[in-house]
Amino acid sequence: IQRLADQISNVFVPTVVGIAILAFLI
């Protein structure tokens, strides 16, 4: 059984990092 949290993290981690970097640059 693939962990639901693991599945979500594949999208969640890069999305959060991208938002944080974008906010920093702005």
mmCIF file of all heavy atoms, coordinates in Angstrom:
data_MODEL
# 
_entry.id   MODEL 
# 
loop_
_atom_site.group_PDB 
_atom_site.id 
_atom_site.type_symbol 
_atom_site.label_atom_id 
_atom_site.label_alt_id 
_atom_site.label_comp_id 
_atom_site.label_asym_id 
_atom_site.label_entity_id 
_atom_site.label_seq_id 
_atom_site.pdbx_PDB_ins_code 
_atom_site.Cartn_x 
_atom_site.Cartn_y 
_atom_site.Cartn_z 
_atom_site.occupancy 
_atom_site.B_iso_or_equiv 
_atom_site.pdbx_formal_charge 
_atom_site.auth_seq_id 
_atom_site.auth_comp_id 
_atom_site.auth_asym_id 
_atom_site.auth_atom_id 
_atom_site.pdbx_PDB_model_num 
ATOM 1   N N   . ILE A 1 1  ? 0.852  -1.193 0.000  1.00 0.00 ? 1  ILE A N   1 
ATOM 2   C CA  . ILE A 1 1  ? 0.000  0.000  0.000  1.00 0.00 ? 1  ILE A CA  1 
ATOM 3   C C   . ILE A 1 1  ? 0.885  1.240  0.000  1.00 0.00 ? 1  ILE A C   1 
ATOM 4   O O   . ILE A 1 1  ? 1.701  1.429  0.885  1.00 0.00 ? 1  ILE A O   1 
ATOM 5   C CB  . ILE A 1 1  ? -0.915 0.008  1.234  1.00 0.00 ? 1  ILE A CB  1 
ATOM 6   C CG1 . ILE A 1 1  ? -1.808 -1.217 1.214  1.00 0.00 ? 1  ILE A CG1 1 
ATOM 7   C CG2 . ILE A 1 1  ? -1.747 1.269  1.278  1.00 0.00 ? 1  ILE A CG2 1 
ATOM 8   C CD1 . ILE A 1 1  ? -2.628 -1.372 2.463  1.00 0.00 ? 1  ILE A CD1 1 
ATOM 9   N N   . GLN A 1 2  ? 0.721  2.055  -1.018 1.00 0.00 ? 2  GLN A N   1 
ATOM 10  C CA  . GLN A 1 2  ? 1.487  3.305  -1.092 1.00 0.00 ? 2  GLN A CA  1 
ATOM 11  C C   . GLN A 1 2  ? 0.910  4.307  -0.116 1.00 0.00 ? 2  GLN A C   1 
ATOM 12  O O   . GLN A 1 2  ? -0.271 4.600  -0.149 1.00 0.00 ? 2  GLN A O   1 
ATOM 13  C CB  . GLN A 1 2  ? 1.407  3.879  -2.519 1.00 0.00 ? 2  GLN A CB  1 
ATOM 14  C CG  . GLN A 1 2  ? 2.155  5.186  -2.703 1.00 0.00 ? 2  GLN A CG  1 
ATOM 15  C CD  . GLN A 1 2  ? 3.658  5.004  -2.625 1.00 0.00 ? 2  GLN A CD  1 
ATOM 16  O OE1 . GLN A 1 2  ? 4.180  4.061  -3.163 1.00 0.00 ? 2  GLN A OE1 1 
ATOM 17  N NE2 . GLN A 1 2  ? 4.330  5.917  -1.955 1.00 0.00 ? 2  GLN A NE2 1 
ATOM 18  N N   . ARG A 1 3  ? 1.738  4.819  0.758  1.00 0.00 ? 3  ARG A N   1 
ATOM 19  C CA  . ARG A 1 3  ? 1.287  5.778  1.756  1.00 0.00 ? 3  ARG A CA  1 
ATOM 20  C C   . ARG A 1 3  ? 0.722  7.023  1.074  1.00 0.00 ? 3  ARG A C   1 
ATOM 21  O O   . ARG A 1 3  ? 1.338  7.601  0.167  1.00 0.00 ? 3  ARG A O   1 
ATOM 22  C CB  . ARG A 1 3  ? 2.440  6.202  2.657  1.00 0.00 ? 3  ARG A CB  1 
ATOM 23  C CG  . ARG A 1 3  ? 2.972  5.094  3.537  1.00 0.00 ? 3  ARG A CG  1 
ATOM 24  C CD  . ARG A 1 3  ? 2.008  4.807  4.646  1.00 0.00 ? 3  ARG A CD  1 
ATOM 25  N NE  . ARG A 1 3  ? 2.584  3.888  5.615  1.00 0.00 ? 3  ARG A NE  1 
ATOM 26  C CZ  . ARG A 1 3  ? 1.885  3.282  6.518  1.00 0.00 ? 3  ARG A CZ  1 
ATOM 27  N NH1 . ARG A 1 3  ? 0.593  3.474  6.592  1.00 0.00 ? 3  ARG A NH1 1 
ATOM 28  N NH2 . ARG A 1 3  ? 2.450  2.470  7.375  1.00 0.00 ? 3  ARG A NH2 1 
ATOM 29  N N   . LEU A 1 4  ? -0.459 7.431  1.544  1.00 0.00 ? 4  LEU A N   1 
ATOM 30  C CA  . LEU A 1 4  ? -1.093 8.618  0.985  1.00 0.00 ? 4  LEU A CA  1 
ATOM 31  C C   . LEU A 1 4  ? -0.205 9.846  1.171  1.00 0.00 ? 4  LEU A C   1 
ATOM 32  O O   . LEU A 1 4  ? -0.046 10.660 0.261  1.00 0.00 ? 4  LEU A O   1 
ATOM 33  C CB  . LEU A 1 4  ? -2.451 8.840  1.654  1.00 0.00 ? 4  LEU A CB  1 
ATOM 34  C CG  . LEU A 1 4  ? -3.268 10.049 1.171  1.00 0.00 ? 4  LEU A CG  1 
ATOM 35  C CD1 . LEU A 1 4  ? -3.531 9.935  -0.323 1.00 0.00 ? 4  LEU A CD1 1 
ATOM 36  C CD2 . LEU A 1 4  ? -4.579 10.145 1.943  1.00 0.00 ? 4  LEU A CD2 1 
ATOM 37  N N   . ALA A 1 5  ? 0.421  9.948  2.337  1.00 0.00 ? 5  ALA A N   1 
ATOM 38  C CA  . ALA A 1 5  ? 1.290  11.104 2.593  1.00 0.00 ? 5  ALA A CA  1 
ATOM 39  C C   . ALA A 1 5  ? 2.489  11.107 1.661  1.00 0.00 ? 5  ALA A C   1 
ATOM 40  O O   . ALA A 1 5  ? 2.933  12.171 1.219  1.00 0.00 ? 5  ALA A O   1 
ATOM 41  C CB  . ALA A 1 5  ? 1.752  11.100 4.045  1.00 0.00 ? 5  ALA A CB  1 
ATOM 42  N N   . ASP A 1 6  ? 3.040  9.928  1.358  1.00 0.00 ? 6  ASP A N   1 
ATOM 43  C CA  . ASP A 1 6  ? 4.169  9.854  0.433  1.00 0.00 ? 6  ASP A CA  1 
ATOM 44  C C   . ASP A 1 6  ? 3.760  10.299 -0.965 1.00 0.00 ? 6  ASP A C   1 
ATOM 45  O O   . ASP A 1 6  ? 4.514  10.977 -1.666 1.00 0.00 ? 6  ASP A O   1 
ATOM 46  C CB  . ASP A 1 6  ? 4.718  8.432  0.379  1.00 0.00 ? 6  ASP A CB  1 
ATOM 47  C CG  . ASP A 1 6  ? 5.707  8.157  1.501  1.00 0.00 ? 6  ASP A CG  1 
ATOM 48  O OD1 . ASP A 1 6  ? 6.140  9.127  2.154  1.00 0.00 ? 6  ASP A OD1 1 
ATOM 49  O OD2 . ASP A 1 6  ? 6.035  6.990  1.730  1.00 0.00 ? 6  ASP A OD2 1 
ATOM 50  N N   . GLN A 1 7  ? 2.566  9.898  -1.377 1.00 0.00 ? 7  GLN A N   1 
ATOM 51  C CA  . GLN A 1 7  ? 2.084  10.289 -2.694 1.00 0.00 ? 7  GLN A CA  1 
ATOM 52  C C   . GLN A 1 7  ? 1.914  11.803 -2.786 1.00 0.00 ? 7  GLN A C   1 
ATOM 53  O O   . GLN A 1 7  ? 2.300  12.433 -3.769 1.00 0.00 ? 7  GLN A O   1 
ATOM 54  C CB  . GLN A 1 7  ? 0.753  9.584  -2.998 1.00 0.00 ? 7  GLN A CB  1 
ATOM 55  C CG  . GLN A 1 7  ? 0.886  8.066  -3.156 1.00 0.00 ? 7  GLN A CG  1 
ATOM 56  C CD  . GLN A 1 7  ? -0.466 7.386  -3.302 1.00 0.00 ? 7  GLN A CD  1 
ATOM 57  O OE1 . GLN A 1 7  ? -1.492 7.909  -2.870 1.00 0.00 ? 7  GLN A OE1 1 
ATOM 58  N NE2 . GLN A 1 7  ? -0.475 6.214  -3.913 1.00 0.00 ? 7  GLN A NE2 1 
ATOM 59  N N   . ILE A 1 8  ? 1.333  12.366 -1.732 1.00 0.00 ? 8  ILE A N   1 
ATOM 60  C CA  . ILE A 1 8  ? 1.097  13.807 -1.724 1.00 0.00 ? 8  ILE A CA  1 
ATOM 61  C C   . ILE A 1 8  ? 2.417  14.564 -1.700 1.00 0.00 ? 8  ILE A C   1 
ATOM 62  O O   . ILE A 1 8  ? 2.563  15.605 -2.348 1.00 0.00 ? 8  ILE A O   1 
ATOM 63  C CB  . ILE A 1 8  ? 0.230  14.200 -0.512 1.00 0.00 ? 8  ILE A CB  1 
ATOM 64  C CG1 . ILE A 1 8  ? -1.171 13.589 -0.662 1.00 0.00 ? 8  ILE A CG1 1 
ATOM 65  C CG2 . ILE A 1 8  ? 0.130  15.710 -0.362 1.00 0.00 ? 8  ILE A CG2 1 
ATOM 66  C CD1 . ILE A 1 8  ? -2.038 13.729 0.577  1.00 0.00 ? 8  ILE A CD1 1 
ATOM 67  N N   . SER A 1 9  ? 3.397  14.017 -0.970 1.00 0.00 ? 9  SER A N   1 
ATOM 68  C CA  . SER A 1 9  ? 4.664  14.740 -0.807 1.00 0.00 ? 9  SER A CA  1 
ATOM 69  C C   . SER A 1 9  ? 5.403  14.922 -2.118 1.00 0.00 ? 9  SER A C   1 
ATOM 70  O O   . SER A 1 9  ? 6.189  15.861 -2.262 1.00 0.00 ? 9  SER A O   1 
ATOM 71  C CB  . SER A 1 9  ? 5.560  13.996 0.188  1.00 0.00 ? 9  SER A CB  1 
ATOM 72  O OG  . SER A 1 9  ? 5.992  12.763 -0.344 1.00 0.00 ? 9  SER A OG  1 
ATOM 73  N N   . ASN A 1 10 ? 5.186  14.029 -3.091 1.00 0.00 ? 10 ASN A N   1 
ATOM 74  C CA  . ASN A 1 10 ? 5.841  14.179 -4.384 1.00 0.00 ? 10 ASN A CA  1 
ATOM 75  C C   . ASN A 1 10 ? 5.477  15.501 -5.053 1.00 0.00 ? 10 ASN A C   1 
ATOM 76  O O   . ASN A 1 10 ? 6.267  16.072 -5.802 1.00 0.00 ? 10 ASN A O   1 
ATOM 77  C CB  . ASN A 1 10 ? 5.467  13.014 -5.310 1.00 0.00 ? 10 ASN A CB  1 
ATOM 78  C CG  . ASN A 1 10 ? 6.147  11.725 -4.915 1.00 0.00 ? 10 ASN A CG  1 
ATOM 79  O OD1 . ASN A 1 10 ? 7.271  11.739 -4.424 1.00 0.00 ? 10 ASN A OD1 1 
ATOM 80  N ND2 . ASN A 1 10 ? 5.470  10.611 -5.112 1.00 0.00 ? 10 ASN A ND2 1 
ATOM 81  N N   . VAL A 1 11 ? 4.269  15.984 -4.786 1.00 0.00 ? 11 VAL A N   1 
ATOM 82  C CA  . VAL A 1 11 ? 3.835  17.269 -5.349 1.00 0.00 ? 11 VAL A CA  1 
ATOM 83  C C   . VAL A 1 11 ? 4.017  18.376 -4.319 1.00 0.00 ? 11 VAL A C   1 
ATOM 84  O O   . VAL A 1 11 ? 4.411  19.501 -4.660 1.00 0.00 ? 11 VAL A O   1 
ATOM 85  C CB  . VAL A 1 11 ? 2.350  17.190 -5.777 1.00 0.00 ? 11 VAL A CB  1 
ATOM 86  C CG1 . VAL A 1 11 ? 1.870  18.542 -6.284 1.00 0.00 ? 11 VAL A CG1 1 
ATOM 87  C CG2 . VAL A 1 11 ? 2.170  16.113 -6.835 1.00 0.00 ? 11 VAL A CG2 1 
ATOM 88  N N   . PHE A 1 12 ? 3.767  18.043 -3.069 1.00 0.00 ? 12 PHE A N   1 
ATOM 89  C CA  . PHE A 1 12 ? 3.768  19.045 -2.010 1.00 0.00 ? 12 PHE A CA  1 
ATOM 90  C C   . PHE A 1 12 ? 5.140  19.698 -1.820 1.00 0.00 ? 12 PHE A C   1 
ATOM 91  O O   . PHE A 1 12 ? 5.268  20.919 -1.738 1.00 0.00 ? 12 PHE A O   1 
ATOM 92  C CB  . PHE A 1 12 ? 3.311  18.384 -0.706 1.00 0.00 ? 12 PHE A CB  1 
ATOM 93  C CG  . PHE A 1 12 ? 3.332  19.287 0.486  1.00 0.00 ? 12 PHE A CG  1 
ATOM 94  C CD1 . PHE A 1 12 ? 2.418  20.315 0.610  1.00 0.00 ? 12 PHE A CD1 1 
ATOM 95  C CD2 . PHE A 1 12 ? 4.269  19.112 1.500  1.00 0.00 ? 12 PHE A CD2 1 
ATOM 96  C CE1 . PHE A 1 12 ? 2.425  21.149 1.718  1.00 0.00 ? 12 PHE A CE1 1 
ATOM 97  C CE2 . PHE A 1 12 ? 4.276  19.931 2.608  1.00 0.00 ? 12 PHE A CE2 1 
ATOM 98  C CZ  . PHE A 1 12 ? 3.353  20.958 2.715  1.00 0.00 ? 12 PHE A CZ  1 
ATOM 99  N N   . VAL A 1 13 ? 6.193  18.874 -1.743 1.00 0.00 ? 13 VAL A N   1 
ATOM 100 C CA  . VAL A 1 13 ? 7.529  19.408 -1.458 1.00 0.00 ? 13 VAL A CA  1 
ATOM 101 C C   . VAL A 1 13 ? 7.999  20.394 -2.518 1.00 0.00 ? 13 VAL A C   1 
ATOM 102 O O   . VAL A 1 13 ? 8.357  21.528 -2.198 1.00 0.00 ? 13 VAL A O   1 
ATOM 103 C CB  . VAL A 1 13 ? 8.547  18.264 -1.266 1.00 0.00 ? 13 VAL A CB  1 
ATOM 104 C CG1 . VAL A 1 13 ? 9.958  18.823 -1.139 1.00 0.00 ? 13 VAL A CG1 1 
ATOM 105 C CG2 . VAL A 1 13 ? 8.188  17.439 -0.052 1.00 0.00 ? 13 VAL A CG2 1 
ATOM 106 N N   . PRO A 1 14 ? 8.043  20.013 -3.796 1.00 0.00 ? 14 PRO A N   1 
ATOM 107 C CA  . PRO A 1 14 ? 8.509  20.999 -4.789 1.00 0.00 ? 14 PRO A CA  1 
ATOM 108 C C   . PRO A 1 14 ? 7.609  22.221 -4.891 1.00 0.00 ? 14 PRO A C   1 
ATOM 109 O O   . PRO A 1 14 ? 8.090  23.326 -5.172 1.00 0.00 ? 14 PRO A O   1 
ATOM 110 C CB  . PRO A 1 14 ? 8.519  20.205 -6.103 1.00 0.00 ? 14 PRO A CB  1 
ATOM 111 C CG  . PRO A 1 14 ? 7.666  19.013 -5.866 1.00 0.00 ? 14 PRO A CG  1 
ATOM 112 C CD  . PRO A 1 14 ? 7.767  18.702 -4.426 1.00 0.00 ? 14 PRO A CD  1 
ATOM 113 N N   . THR A 1 15 ? 6.314  22.027 -4.636 1.00 0.00 ? 15 THR A N   1 
ATOM 114 C CA  . THR A 1 15 ? 5.397  23.169 -4.697 1.00 0.00 ? 15 THR A CA  1 
ATOM 115 C C   . THR A 1 15 ? 5.709  24.184 -3.605 1.00 0.00 ? 15 THR A C   1 
ATOM 116 O O   . THR A 1 15 ? 5.798  25.394 -3.857 1.00 0.00 ? 15 THR A O   1 
ATOM 117 C CB  . THR A 1 15 ? 3.939  22.688 -4.558 1.00 0.00 ? 15 THR A CB  1 
ATOM 118 O OG1 . THR A 1 15 ? 3.638  21.792 -5.625 1.00 0.00 ? 15 THR A OG1 1 
ATOM 119 C CG2 . THR A 1 15 ? 2.978  23.871 -4.603 1.00 0.00 ? 15 THR A CG2 1 
ATOM 120 N N   . VAL A 1 16 ? 5.903  23.701 -2.384 1.00 0.00 ? 16 VAL A N   1 
ATOM 121 C CA  . VAL A 1 16 ? 6.204  24.593 -1.259 1.00 0.00 ? 16 VAL A CA  1 
ATOM 122 C C   . VAL A 1 16 ? 7.540  25.296 -1.468 1.00 0.00 ? 16 VAL A C   1 
ATOM 123 O O   . VAL A 1 16 ? 7.677  26.511 -1.248 1.00 0.00 ? 16 VAL A O   1 
ATOM 124 C CB  . VAL A 1 16 ? 6.203  23.809 0.067  1.00 0.00 ? 16 VAL A CB  1 
ATOM 125 C CG1 . VAL A 1 16 ? 6.765  24.656 1.200  1.00 0.00 ? 16 VAL A CG1 1 
ATOM 126 C CG2 . VAL A 1 16 ? 4.799  23.347 0.401  1.00 0.00 ? 16 VAL A CG2 1 
ATOM 127 N N   . VAL A 1 17 ? 8.548  24.537 -1.901 1.00 0.00 ? 17 VAL A N   1 
ATOM 128 C CA  . VAL A 1 17 ? 9.862  25.139 -2.144 1.00 0.00 ? 17 VAL A CA  1 
ATOM 129 C C   . VAL A 1 17 ? 9.761  26.208 -3.226 1.00 0.00 ? 17 VAL A C   1 
ATOM 130 O O   . VAL A 1 17 ? 10.345 27.300 -3.108 1.00 0.00 ? 17 VAL A O   1 
ATOM 131 C CB  . VAL A 1 17 ? 10.884 24.057 -2.534 1.00 0.00 ? 17 VAL A CB  1 
ATOM 132 C CG1 . VAL A 1 17 ? 12.202 24.705 -2.963 1.00 0.00 ? 17 VAL A CG1 1 
ATOM 133 C CG2 . VAL A 1 17 ? 11.126 23.108 -1.376 1.00 0.00 ? 17 VAL A CG2 1 
ATOM 134 N N   . GLY A 1 18 ? 8.996  25.892 -4.272 1.00 0.00 ? 18 GLY A N   1 
ATOM 135 C CA  . GLY A 1 18 ? 8.822  26.870 -5.349 1.00 0.00 ? 18 GLY A CA  1 
ATOM 136 C C   . GLY A 1 18 ? 8.149  28.151 -4.866 1.00 0.00 ? 18 GLY A C   1 
ATOM 137 O O   . GLY A 1 18 ? 8.567  29.267 -5.221 1.00 0.00 ? 18 GLY A O   1 
ATOM 138 N N   . ILE A 1 19 ? 7.111  27.993 -4.041 1.00 0.00 ? 19 ILE A N   1 
ATOM 139 C CA  . ILE A 1 19 ? 6.407  29.164 -3.498 1.00 0.00 ? 19 ILE A CA  1 
ATOM 140 C C   . ILE A 1 19 ? 7.343  29.983 -2.606 1.00 0.00 ? 19 ILE A C   1 
ATOM 141 O O   . ILE A 1 19 ? 7.367  31.215 -2.659 1.00 0.00 ? 19 ILE A O   1 
ATOM 142 C CB  . ILE A 1 19 ? 5.160  28.723 -2.720 1.00 0.00 ? 19 ILE A CB  1 
ATOM 143 C CG1 . ILE A 1 19 ? 4.122  28.122 -3.671 1.00 0.00 ? 19 ILE A CG1 1 
ATOM 144 C CG2 . ILE A 1 19 ? 4.549  29.901 -1.953 1.00 0.00 ? 19 ILE A CG2 1 
ATOM 145 C CD1 . ILE A 1 19 ? 2.924  27.501 -2.974 1.00 0.00 ? 19 ILE A CD1 1 
ATOM 146 N N   . ALA A 1 20 ? 8.133  29.279 -1.754 1.00 0.00 ? 20 ALA A N   1 
ATOM 147 C CA  . ALA A 1 20 ? 9.047  29.974 -0.851 1.00 0.00 ? 20 ALA A CA  1 
ATOM 148 C C   . ALA A 1 20 ? 10.102 30.757 -1.619 1.00 0.00 ? 20 ALA A C   1 
ATOM 149 O O   . ALA A 1 20 ? 10.413 31.916 -1.290 1.00 0.00 ? 20 ALA A O   1 
ATOM 150 C CB  . ALA A 1 20 ? 9.718  28.961 0.087  1.00 0.00 ? 20 ALA A CB  1 
ATOM 151 N N   . ILE A 1 21 ? 10.664 30.144 -2.655 1.00 0.00 ? 21 ILE A N   1 
ATOM 152 C CA  . ILE A 1 21 ? 11.679 30.838 -3.468 1.00 0.00 ? 21 ILE A CA  1 
ATOM 153 C C   . ILE A 1 21 ? 11.064 32.025 -4.196 1.00 0.00 ? 21 ILE A C   1 
ATOM 154 O O   . ILE A 1 21 ? 11.656 33.117 -4.256 1.00 0.00 ? 21 ILE A O   1 
ATOM 155 C CB  . ILE A 1 21 ? 12.314 29.850 -4.468 1.00 0.00 ? 21 ILE A CB  1 
ATOM 156 C CG1 . ILE A 1 21 ? 13.135 28.798 -3.711 1.00 0.00 ? 21 ILE A CG1 1 
ATOM 157 C CG2 . ILE A 1 21 ? 13.187 30.597 -5.477 1.00 0.00 ? 21 ILE A CG2 1 
ATOM 158 C CD1 . ILE A 1 21 ? 13.682 27.700 -4.594 1.00 0.00 ? 21 ILE A CD1 1 
ATOM 159 N N   . LEU A 1 22 ? 9.870  31.815 -4.751 1.00 0.00 ? 22 LEU A N   1 
ATOM 160 C CA  . LEU A 1 22 ? 9.197  32.903 -5.464 1.00 0.00 ? 22 LEU A CA  1 
ATOM 161 C C   . LEU A 1 22 ? 8.898  34.067 -4.529 1.00 0.00 ? 22 LEU A C   1 
ATOM 162 O O   . LEU A 1 22 ? 9.113  35.244 -4.884 1.00 0.00 ? 22 LEU A O   1 
ATOM 163 C CB  . LEU A 1 22 ? 7.902  32.376 -6.090 1.00 0.00 ? 22 LEU A CB  1 
ATOM 164 C CG  . LEU A 1 22 ? 7.083  33.396 -6.905 1.00 0.00 ? 22 LEU A CG  1 
ATOM 165 C CD1 . LEU A 1 22 ? 7.899  33.886 -8.098 1.00 0.00 ? 22 LEU A CD1 1 
ATOM 166 C CD2 . LEU A 1 22 ? 5.773  32.766 -7.372 1.00 0.00 ? 22 LEU A CD2 1 
ATOM 167 N N   . ALA A 1 23 ? 8.419  33.747 -3.319 1.00 0.00 ? 23 ALA A N   1 
ATOM 168 C CA  . ALA A 1 23 ? 8.139  34.803 -2.346 1.00 0.00 ? 23 ALA A CA  1 
ATOM 169 C C   . ALA A 1 23 ? 9.412  35.548 -1.969 1.00 0.00 ? 23 ALA A C   1 
ATOM 170 O O   . ALA A 1 23 ? 9.423  36.788 -1.857 1.00 0.00 ? 23 ALA A O   1 
ATOM 171 C CB  . ALA A 1 23 ? 7.492  34.196 -1.095 1.00 0.00 ? 23 ALA A CB  1 
ATOM 172 N N   . PHE A 1 24 ? 10.516 34.817 -1.779 1.00 0.00 ? 24 PHE A N   1 
ATOM 173 C CA  . PHE A 1 24 ? 11.803 35.440 -1.448 1.00 0.00 ? 24 PHE A CA  1 
ATOM 174 C C   . PHE A 1 24 ? 12.239 36.406 -2.550 1.00 0.00 ? 24 PHE A C   1 
ATOM 175 O O   . PHE A 1 24 ? 12.652 37.548 -2.282 1.00 0.00 ? 24 PHE A O   1 
ATOM 176 C CB  . PHE A 1 24 ? 12.858 34.361 -1.240 1.00 0.00 ? 24 PHE A CB  1 
ATOM 177 C CG  . PHE A 1 24 ? 14.258 34.888 -1.110 1.00 0.00 ? 24 PHE A CG  1 
ATOM 178 C CD1 . PHE A 1 24 ? 14.725 35.412 0.087  1.00 0.00 ? 24 PHE A CD1 1 
ATOM 179 C CD2 . PHE A 1 24 ? 15.108 34.893 -2.214 1.00 0.00 ? 24 PHE A CD2 1 
ATOM 180 C CE1 . PHE A 1 24 ? 16.006 35.914 0.200  1.00 0.00 ? 24 PHE A CE1 1 
ATOM 181 C CE2 . PHE A 1 24 ? 16.392 35.398 -2.110 1.00 0.00 ? 24 PHE A CE2 1 
ATOM 182 C CZ  . PHE A 1 24 ? 16.850 35.904 -0.905 1.00 0.00 ? 24 PHE A CZ  1 
ATOM 183 N N   . LEU A 1 25 ? 12.151 35.973 -3.804 1.00 0.00 ? 25 LEU A N   1 
ATOM 184 C CA  . LEU A 1 25 ? 12.596 36.806 -4.921 1.00 0.00 ? 25 LEU A CA  1 
ATOM 185 C C   . LEU A 1 25 ? 11.733 38.054 -5.064 1.00 0.00 ? 25 LEU A C   1 
ATOM 186 O O   . LEU A 1 25 ? 12.251 39.163 -5.317 1.00 0.00 ? 25 LEU A O   1 
ATOM 187 C CB  . LEU A 1 25 ? 12.573 35.990 -6.218 1.00 0.00 ? 25 LEU A CB  1 
ATOM 188 C CG  . LEU A 1 25 ? 13.601 34.843 -6.309 1.00 0.00 ? 25 LEU A CG  1 
ATOM 189 C CD1 . LEU A 1 25 ? 13.390 34.033 -7.576 1.00 0.00 ? 25 LEU A CD1 1 
ATOM 190 C CD2 . LEU A 1 25 ? 15.025 35.396 -6.257 1.00 0.00 ? 25 LEU A CD2 1 
ATOM 191 N N   . ILE A 1 26 ? 10.433 37.887 -4.913 1.00 0.00 ? 26 ILE A N   1 
ATOM 192 C CA  . ILE A 1 26 ? 9.533  39.043 -5.054 1.00 0.00 ? 26 ILE A CA  1 
ATOM 193 C C   . ILE A 1 26 ? 9.834  40.077 -3.969 1.00 0.00 ? 26 ILE A C   1 
ATOM 194 O O   . ILE A 1 26 ? 9.919  41.285 -4.251 1.00 0.00 ? 26 ILE A O   1 
ATOM 195 C CB  . ILE A 1 26 ? 8.065  38.584 -4.995 1.00 0.00 ? 26 ILE A CB  1 
ATOM 196 C CG1 . ILE A 1 26 ? 7.713  37.767 -6.252 1.00 0.00 ? 26 ILE A CG1 1 
ATOM 197 C CG2 . ILE A 1 26 ? 7.131  39.781 -4.842 1.00 0.00 ? 26 ILE A CG2 1 
ATOM 198 C CD1 . ILE A 1 26 ? 6.330  37.165 -6.224 1.00 0.00 ? 26 ILE A CD1 1 
# 
